[in-house]
Amino acid sequence: MAPSEVVVATAMSGSYKGMSSDNIKGLVLALSSSFFIGASFIVKKKGLKKAGSAGIRAGVGGYSYLYEPLWWVGMITMIVGEIANFAAYAFAPAILVTPLGALSIIISAVLAHIILREKLHIFGILGCALCVVGSTTIVLHAPQEREIESVKEVWDLATEPAFLFYAALVIAVVLILIFHYIPQFGQTHIMFYISVCSLVGSLSVMSVKALGIALKVTLSGMNQLIYPQTWTFALVVTVCVLTQMNYLNKALDTFNTAVVSPIYYVMFTSLTILASVIMFKDWDRQNPTQIVTEMCGFVTILSGTFLLHKTKDMADGSTVVPLRLPKHGDEEDGFGQEGIPLKRQESSRAA
């Protein structure tokens, strides 16, 4: 073999070493999460329709669905998916887990087409294909999970100057948005609600990952619950998730889900990847080719997500989706006219 061929072969072998066992576990958990949460929307909607036929619909303030077993099956399915997603962050980097949330859109769209007879436009199918291609690209080039043996190591990463600056910047921007801009423009400009959800969400995912690592290490025999850092991360998760849920509900109540969902997915995922790169230094363990390939995969997922949401209300002709919601009484079964929402928008995570 020529010397140049040896150099090329060495570079190739060094650039891709395959997925670690932790990354594989995280991948399986993330895929399971997408399946359970994507399917849960279909089951819950079936339950809502069944309950609405015998009582007051959820869209007009009814709660008859609480007595419908099918709706509870869907809720339990969603909870299982959220637990799987929580566990995925303990094994794999956020840059691998978070973008895979787009796969739940595919599952919801396909199951809605098969079970609920909601027509899937040809461009919606193309959007699903783009999401699969982008997800595969990210999976094949995701960084290896950092070896962490204590929650104190995560705390040290979280208190480094770079991440402290990011966290302080996020908190400052969120407070300015909440107390200055949202009271004036929240009902008319969609970006203010979504910006708060996405910025706070990036911090919540980092804290969820820290908690997941603490629990994983605890289950391996080294108790991490005795350290105050573990409970500090738990407090951050609680505050961030409550804030996310509050402002995400405001966004969904004010604006059309078909508009909120893709914008929130883009901002939340982008900021989560940024936070993970700063805190866990994911890209320090990769070469430029892998980083660029991951970004290409991410952009491909974004393209598929927008295409799927843009066309999911189309049948034979084109449909223009309004920015703001109509009166709540016009919504169908509490899901609105858009059909199946994104999993990360309706679920408690935004992490």
Protein backbone atom coordinates (compact mmCIF):
# COMPACT_ATOMS: atom_id res chain seq x y z
CA MET A 1 0.00 0.00 0.00
CA ALA A 2 1.31 3.44 -0.93
CA PRO A 3 2.18 5.87 1.88
CA SER A 4 -0.60 8.25 0.83
CA GLU A 5 -3.14 5.41 1.03
CA VAL A 6 -1.93 4.54 4.52
CA VAL A 7 -2.43 8.14 5.65
CA VAL A 8 -5.94 8.26 4.18
CA ALA A 9 -6.89 4.93 5.77
CA THR A 10 -5.55 6.06 9.14
CA ALA A 11 -7.47 9.32 8.94
CA MET A 12 -10.69 7.53 8.03
CA SER A 13 -10.36 5.03 10.85
CA GLY A 14 -9.68 7.84 13.28
CA SER A 15 -12.61 9.94 12.12
CA TYR A 16 -15.21 7.25 12.69
CA LYS A 17 -14.84 4.68 15.42
CA GLY A 18 -18.41 3.47 15.49
CA MET A 19 -21.01 4.05 18.16
CA SER A 20 -20.16 3.38 21.78
CA SER A 21 -22.36 1.10 23.86
CA ASP A 22 -23.72 4.12 25.75
CA ASN A 23 -24.59 5.89 22.50
CA ILE A 24 -26.42 2.77 21.30
CA LYS A 25 -28.40 2.61 24.55
CA GLY A 26 -29.26 6.29 24.24
CA LEU A 27 -30.26 5.82 20.60
CA VAL A 28 -32.58 2.91 21.41
CA LEU A 29 -34.17 4.87 24.26
CA ALA A 30 -34.61 7.97 22.08
CA LEU A 31 -36.21 5.94 19.28
CA SER A 32 -38.49 4.21 21.80
CA SER A 33 -39.44 7.60 23.21
CA SER A 34 -40.35 8.91 19.76
CA PHE A 35 -42.48 5.84 19.06
CA PHE A 36 -44.38 5.93 22.36
CA ILE A 37 -44.99 9.68 22.35
CA GLY A 38 -45.87 9.77 18.66
CA ALA A 39 -48.36 6.93 19.11
CA SER A 40 -49.77 8.47 22.28
CA PHE A 41 -51.24 11.41 20.34
CA ILE A 42 -53.20 9.03 18.13
CA VAL A 43 -54.53 7.03 21.08
CA LYS A 44 -55.43 10.20 23.01
CA LYS A 45 -57.20 11.70 20.03
CA LYS A 46 -59.20 8.49 19.56
CA GLY A 47 -60.13 8.73 23.23
CA LEU A 48 -61.08 12.40 22.87
CA LYS A 49 -63.33 11.64 19.91
CA LYS A 50 -64.96 8.75 21.72
CA ALA A 51 -65.51 10.83 24.86
CA GLY A 52 -66.75 13.82 22.83
CA SER A 53 -69.43 11.73 21.16
CA ALA A 54 -70.96 10.96 24.55
CA GLY A 55 -70.31 14.18 26.44
CA ILE A 56 -68.93 17.72 26.23
CA ARG A 57 -65.92 17.98 23.92
CA ALA A 58 -62.55 19.04 25.32
CA GLY A 59 -62.36 21.82 22.76
CA VAL A 60 -65.27 23.63 24.40
CA GLY A 61 -64.18 23.06 28.00
CA GLY A 62 -65.46 19.55 28.68
CA TYR A 63 -63.64 16.96 30.79
CA SER A 64 -65.54 13.82 29.85
CA TYR A 65 -62.32 12.41 28.39
CA LEU A 66 -61.08 11.88 31.95
CA TYR A 67 -63.60 9.03 32.22
CA GLU A 68 -62.49 7.48 28.92
CA PRO A 69 -60.03 4.54 29.40
CA LEU A 70 -58.63 4.99 25.88
CA TRP A 71 -57.50 8.52 26.69
CA TRP A 72 -55.70 7.26 29.80
CA VAL A 73 -53.97 4.57 27.73
CA GLY A 74 -52.64 7.36 25.54
CA MET A 75 -51.52 9.38 28.56
CA ILE A 76 -49.71 6.39 30.07
CA THR A 77 -48.06 5.75 26.71
CA MET A 78 -46.82 9.34 26.67
CA ILE A 79 -45.44 9.03 30.20
CA VAL A 80 -43.54 5.89 29.21
CA GLY A 81 -42.10 7.80 26.26
CA GLU A 82 -41.04 10.71 28.47
CA ILE A 83 -39.29 8.33 30.88
CA ALA A 84 -37.44 6.76 27.96
CA ASN A 85 -36.40 10.20 26.73
CA PHE A 86 -35.17 11.15 30.22
CA ALA A 87 -33.08 7.98 30.34
CA ALA A 88 -31.69 8.59 26.84
CA TYR A 89 -29.97 11.78 27.99
CA ALA A 90 -28.12 9.79 30.65
CA PHE A 91 -26.42 7.65 28.00
CA ALA A 92 -26.04 9.77 24.87
CA PRO A 93 -25.11 13.40 24.12
CA ALA A 94 -27.93 15.90 23.62
CA ILE A 95 -26.77 16.51 20.06
CA LEU A 96 -27.84 12.91 19.31
CA VAL A 97 -31.00 12.64 21.44
CA THR A 98 -32.72 16.00 20.91
CA PRO A 99 -32.96 16.08 17.07
CA LEU A 100 -34.45 12.56 17.07
CA GLY A 101 -37.59 14.07 18.55
CA ALA A 102 -38.57 14.85 14.96
CA LEU A 103 -39.20 11.13 14.41
CA SER A 104 -42.31 11.34 16.59
CA ILE A 105 -43.77 13.67 13.95
CA ILE A 106 -43.38 10.91 11.37
CA ILE A 107 -44.97 8.33 13.64
CA SER A 108 -47.90 10.63 14.41
CA ALA A 109 -48.41 11.52 10.75
CA VAL A 110 -48.24 7.92 9.52
CA LEU A 111 -50.50 6.54 12.26
CA ALA A 112 -52.96 9.40 11.74
CA HIS A 113 -53.06 8.50 8.04
CA ILE A 114 -53.66 4.82 8.78
CA ILE A 115 -55.84 4.92 11.91
CA LEU A 116 -57.56 8.31 11.85
CA ARG A 117 -57.83 8.47 8.04
CA GLU A 118 -56.17 11.89 8.00
CA LYS A 119 -54.76 12.33 4.51
CA LEU A 120 -50.97 12.59 4.24
CA HIS A 121 -49.97 14.79 1.31
CA ILE A 122 -47.25 13.58 -1.06
CA PHE A 123 -44.99 16.40 0.13
CA GLY A 124 -45.70 15.28 3.69
CA ILE A 125 -44.28 11.89 2.76
CA LEU A 126 -41.22 13.68 1.38
CA GLY A 127 -40.94 15.55 4.68
CA CYS A 128 -41.00 12.24 6.57
CA ALA A 129 -38.24 10.91 4.30
CA LEU A 130 -36.11 14.00 4.93
CA CYS A 131 -36.51 13.57 8.70
CA VAL A 132 -35.36 9.94 8.43
CA VAL A 133 -32.35 10.86 6.27
CA GLY A 134 -31.34 13.70 8.59
CA SER A 135 -31.74 11.57 11.71
CA THR A 136 -29.66 8.77 10.19
CA THR A 137 -26.93 11.24 9.31
CA ILE A 138 -26.77 12.58 12.87
CA VAL A 139 -26.82 9.09 14.39
CA LEU A 140 -23.90 7.93 12.25
CA HIS A 141 -21.76 10.96 13.09
CA ALA A 142 -22.78 11.77 16.67
CA PRO A 143 -19.94 12.29 19.17
CA GLN A 144 -19.13 9.68 21.76
CA GLU A 145 -20.68 10.24 25.18
CA ARG A 146 -18.30 11.83 27.67
CA GLU A 147 -17.13 9.51 30.44
CA ILE A 148 -18.54 10.91 33.69
CA GLU A 149 -18.33 9.06 37.00
CA SER A 150 -19.87 11.56 39.43
CA VAL A 151 -22.45 14.33 39.50
CA LYS A 152 -19.64 16.53 40.79
CA GLU A 153 -17.98 16.23 37.39
CA VAL A 154 -21.16 17.52 35.75
CA TRP A 155 -21.28 20.34 38.27
CA ASP A 156 -17.69 21.27 37.39
CA LEU A 157 -18.67 21.42 33.71
CA ALA A 158 -21.74 23.54 34.53
CA THR A 159 -19.69 26.03 36.57
CA GLU A 160 -17.01 26.64 33.96
CA PRO A 161 -16.89 30.27 32.76
CA ALA A 162 -18.20 29.56 29.25
CA PHE A 163 -21.39 27.83 30.41
CA LEU A 164 -21.91 30.25 33.30
CA PHE A 165 -21.82 33.08 30.76
CA TYR A 166 -24.33 31.24 28.55
CA ALA A 167 -26.65 30.53 31.50
CA ALA A 168 -26.45 34.14 32.74
CA LEU A 169 -27.16 35.42 29.22
CA VAL A 170 -30.17 33.10 28.89
CA ILE A 171 -31.60 34.15 32.26
CA ALA A 172 -31.10 37.85 31.47
CA VAL A 173 -32.78 37.58 28.05
CA VAL A 174 -35.67 35.53 29.48
CA LEU A 175 -36.32 38.06 32.27
CA ILE A 176 -36.28 40.94 29.77
CA LEU A 177 -38.72 39.09 27.52
CA ILE A 178 -41.06 38.15 30.39
CA PHE A 179 -41.23 41.53 32.12
CA HIS A 180 -40.80 43.95 29.21
CA TYR A 181 -41.74 42.51 25.83
CA ILE A 182 -44.35 39.80 26.50
CA PRO A 183 -46.83 42.12 28.30
CA GLN A 184 -46.76 44.42 25.26
CA PHE A 185 -46.27 42.10 22.31
CA GLY A 186 -46.94 38.53 23.53
CA GLN A 187 -50.42 38.32 22.02
CA THR A 188 -49.34 39.56 18.59
CA HIS A 189 -45.76 38.32 18.04
CA ILE A 190 -45.21 34.57 18.20
CA MET A 191 -41.45 34.72 18.76
CA PHE A 192 -41.60 36.09 22.31
CA TYR A 193 -43.41 33.10 23.87
CA ILE A 194 -41.37 30.61 21.85
CA SER A 195 -38.08 32.34 22.68
CA VAL A 196 -38.74 31.99 26.41
CA CYS A 197 -39.67 28.30 26.02
CA SER A 198 -36.62 27.54 23.88
CA LEU A 199 -34.06 29.43 25.96
CA VAL A 200 -35.29 27.96 29.25
CA GLY A 201 -35.60 24.57 27.54
CA SER A 202 -31.91 24.49 26.70
CA LEU A 203 -31.07 24.85 30.40
CA SER A 204 -33.66 22.27 31.42
CA VAL A 205 -32.20 19.65 29.05
CA MET A 206 -28.71 20.18 30.50
CA SER A 207 -30.12 19.72 34.01
CA VAL A 208 -32.15 16.69 32.94
CA LYS A 209 -28.99 15.16 31.52
CA ALA A 210 -27.15 15.86 34.79
CA LEU A 211 -29.95 14.21 36.77
CA GLY A 212 -29.98 11.24 34.42
CA ILE A 213 -26.24 10.77 34.85
CA ALA A 214 -26.61 11.02 38.64
CA LEU A 215 -29.29 8.31 38.65
CA LYS A 216 -27.29 6.10 36.30
CA VAL A 217 -24.21 6.33 38.52
CA THR A 218 -26.37 5.76 41.62
CA LEU A 219 -27.84 2.59 40.14
CA SER A 220 -24.32 1.37 39.36
CA GLY A 221 -23.52 1.41 43.09
CA MET A 222 -22.20 4.93 43.82
CA ASN A 223 -24.93 6.96 45.52
CA GLN A 224 -25.15 10.47 44.06
CA LEU A 225 -28.26 11.48 45.97
CA ILE A 226 -26.15 12.50 48.97
CA TYR A 227 -24.61 15.39 47.05
CA PRO A 228 -26.31 18.82 47.06
CA GLN A 229 -25.43 19.25 43.38
CA THR A 230 -27.93 16.52 42.46
CA TRP A 231 -30.77 18.33 44.21
CA THR A 232 -29.69 21.65 42.73
CA PHE A 233 -30.05 20.18 39.26
CA ALA A 234 -33.46 18.78 40.27
CA LEU A 235 -34.56 22.25 41.39
CA VAL A 236 -33.39 23.78 38.11
CA VAL A 237 -35.32 21.13 36.15
CA THR A 238 -38.50 21.86 38.12
CA VAL A 239 -38.31 25.64 37.65
CA CYS A 240 -37.39 25.39 33.97
CA VAL A 241 -40.08 22.84 33.09
CA LEU A 242 -42.80 24.83 34.86
CA THR A 243 -41.71 27.97 33.02
CA GLN A 244 -41.65 26.12 29.69
CA MET A 245 -45.10 24.64 30.21
CA ASN A 246 -46.56 28.01 31.17
CA TYR A 247 -45.32 29.94 28.15
CA LEU A 248 -45.74 27.07 25.73
CA ASN A 249 -49.39 26.79 26.75
CA LYS A 250 -49.74 30.53 26.16
CA ALA A 251 -48.22 30.16 22.70
CA LEU A 252 -50.46 27.22 21.79
CA ASP A 253 -53.53 29.00 23.17
CA THR A 254 -52.79 32.18 21.18
CA PHE A 255 -51.28 30.96 17.92
CA ASN A 256 -51.87 28.11 15.49
CA THR A 257 -50.13 24.85 16.43
CA ALA A 258 -49.00 24.33 12.83
CA VAL A 259 -47.04 27.59 13.18
CA VAL A 260 -45.86 27.16 16.78
CA SER A 261 -44.62 23.57 16.45
CA PRO A 262 -41.93 23.87 13.74
CA ILE A 263 -40.63 27.22 15.02
CA TYR A 264 -40.36 25.88 18.55
CA TYR A 265 -38.70 22.67 17.36
CA VAL A 266 -36.05 24.65 15.45
CA MET A 267 -35.28 27.07 18.28
CA PHE A 268 -35.43 24.51 21.09
CA THR A 269 -33.23 21.99 19.30
CA SER A 270 -30.72 24.59 18.09
CA LEU A 271 -30.29 26.14 21.54
CA THR A 272 -30.09 22.73 23.21
CA ILE A 273 -27.31 21.67 20.85
CA LEU A 274 -25.51 24.98 21.52
CA ALA A 275 -25.81 24.53 25.29
CA SER A 276 -24.54 20.94 25.05
CA VAL A 277 -21.58 21.98 22.90
CA ILE A 278 -20.66 24.65 25.46
CA MET A 279 -21.20 22.59 28.62
CA PHE A 280 -20.16 19.07 27.57
CA LYS A 281 -17.77 20.16 24.78
CA ASP A 282 -19.27 17.63 22.36
CA TRP A 283 -17.43 19.00 19.35
CA ASP A 284 -14.02 18.82 21.05
CA ARG A 285 -14.08 15.08 20.41
CA GLN A 286 -14.90 15.43 16.69
CA ASN A 287 -13.18 16.58 13.54
CA PRO A 288 -14.57 19.35 11.28
CA THR A 289 -15.97 16.84 8.76
CA GLN A 290 -18.12 15.15 11.40
CA ILE A 291 -19.36 18.49 12.74
CA VAL A 292 -20.34 19.75 9.28
CA THR A 293 -22.06 16.44 8.51
CA GLU A 294 -24.06 16.65 11.75
CA MET A 295 -25.16 20.18 10.88
CA CYS A 296 -26.21 19.03 7.41
CA GLY A 297 -28.26 16.27 9.02
CA PHE A 298 -29.86 18.77 11.38
CA VAL A 299 -30.78 21.13 8.54
CA THR A 300 -32.26 18.16 6.65
CA ILE A 301 -34.46 17.34 9.66
CA LEU A 302 -35.56 20.97 9.89
CA SER A 303 -36.49 20.96 6.21
CA GLY A 304 -38.52 17.79 6.63
CA THR A 305 -40.25 19.13 9.74
CA PHE A 306 -41.31 22.36 8.03
CA LEU A 307 -42.42 20.51 4.91
CA LEU A 308 -44.50 18.03 6.90
CA HIS A 309 -46.22 20.73 8.93
CA LYS A 310 -46.74 22.95 5.89
CA THR A 311 -48.50 20.22 3.94
CA LYS A 312 -50.28 18.13 6.56
CA ASP A 313 -53.55 20.00 6.10
CA MET A 314 -53.42 19.77 2.32
CA ALA A 315 -55.68 17.40 0.44
CA ASP A 316 -56.12 18.05 -3.24
CA GLY A 317 -55.47 21.77 -3.08
CA SER A 318 -53.32 24.12 -1.06
CA THR A 319 -54.35 25.36 2.37
CA VAL A 320 -53.18 28.55 4.05
CA VAL A 321 -52.67 28.06 7.79
CA PRO A 322 -53.59 31.16 9.84
CA LEU A 323 -51.11 32.46 12.39
CA ARG A 324 -53.60 33.03 15.20
CA LEU A 325 -56.13 30.53 16.46
CA PRO A 326 -59.87 30.92 15.88
CA LYS A 327 -62.29 30.73 18.79
CA HIS A 328 -61.75 27.67 20.94
CA GLY A 329 -65.21 26.44 20.15
CA ASP A 330 -64.13 25.87 16.54
CA GLU A 331 -61.35 23.49 17.48
CA GLU A 332 -61.76 19.77 17.03
CA ASP A 333 -61.48 17.65 20.16
CA GLY A 334 -59.06 20.08 21.75
CA PHE A 335 -56.40 19.41 19.12
CA GLY A 336 -57.26 22.34 16.86
CA GLN A 337 -57.61 22.18 13.12
CA GLU A 338 -54.06 21.04 12.58
CA GLY A 339 -54.52 17.46 13.72
CA ILE A 340 -51.47 15.94 15.39
CA PRO A 341 -49.14 18.29 17.27
CA LEU A 342 -45.42 17.81 17.85
CA LYS A 343 -44.57 15.65 20.85
CA ARG A 344 -42.24 18.16 22.46
CA GLN A 345 -44.86 20.85 22.34
CA GLU A 346 -47.67 19.00 24.08
CA SER A 347 -45.61 16.92 26.50
CA SER A 348 -44.16 18.15 29.75
CA ARG A 349 -40.66 18.09 28.36
CA ALA A 350 -39.54 20.54 26.40
CA ALA A 351 -36.31 18.69 27.28
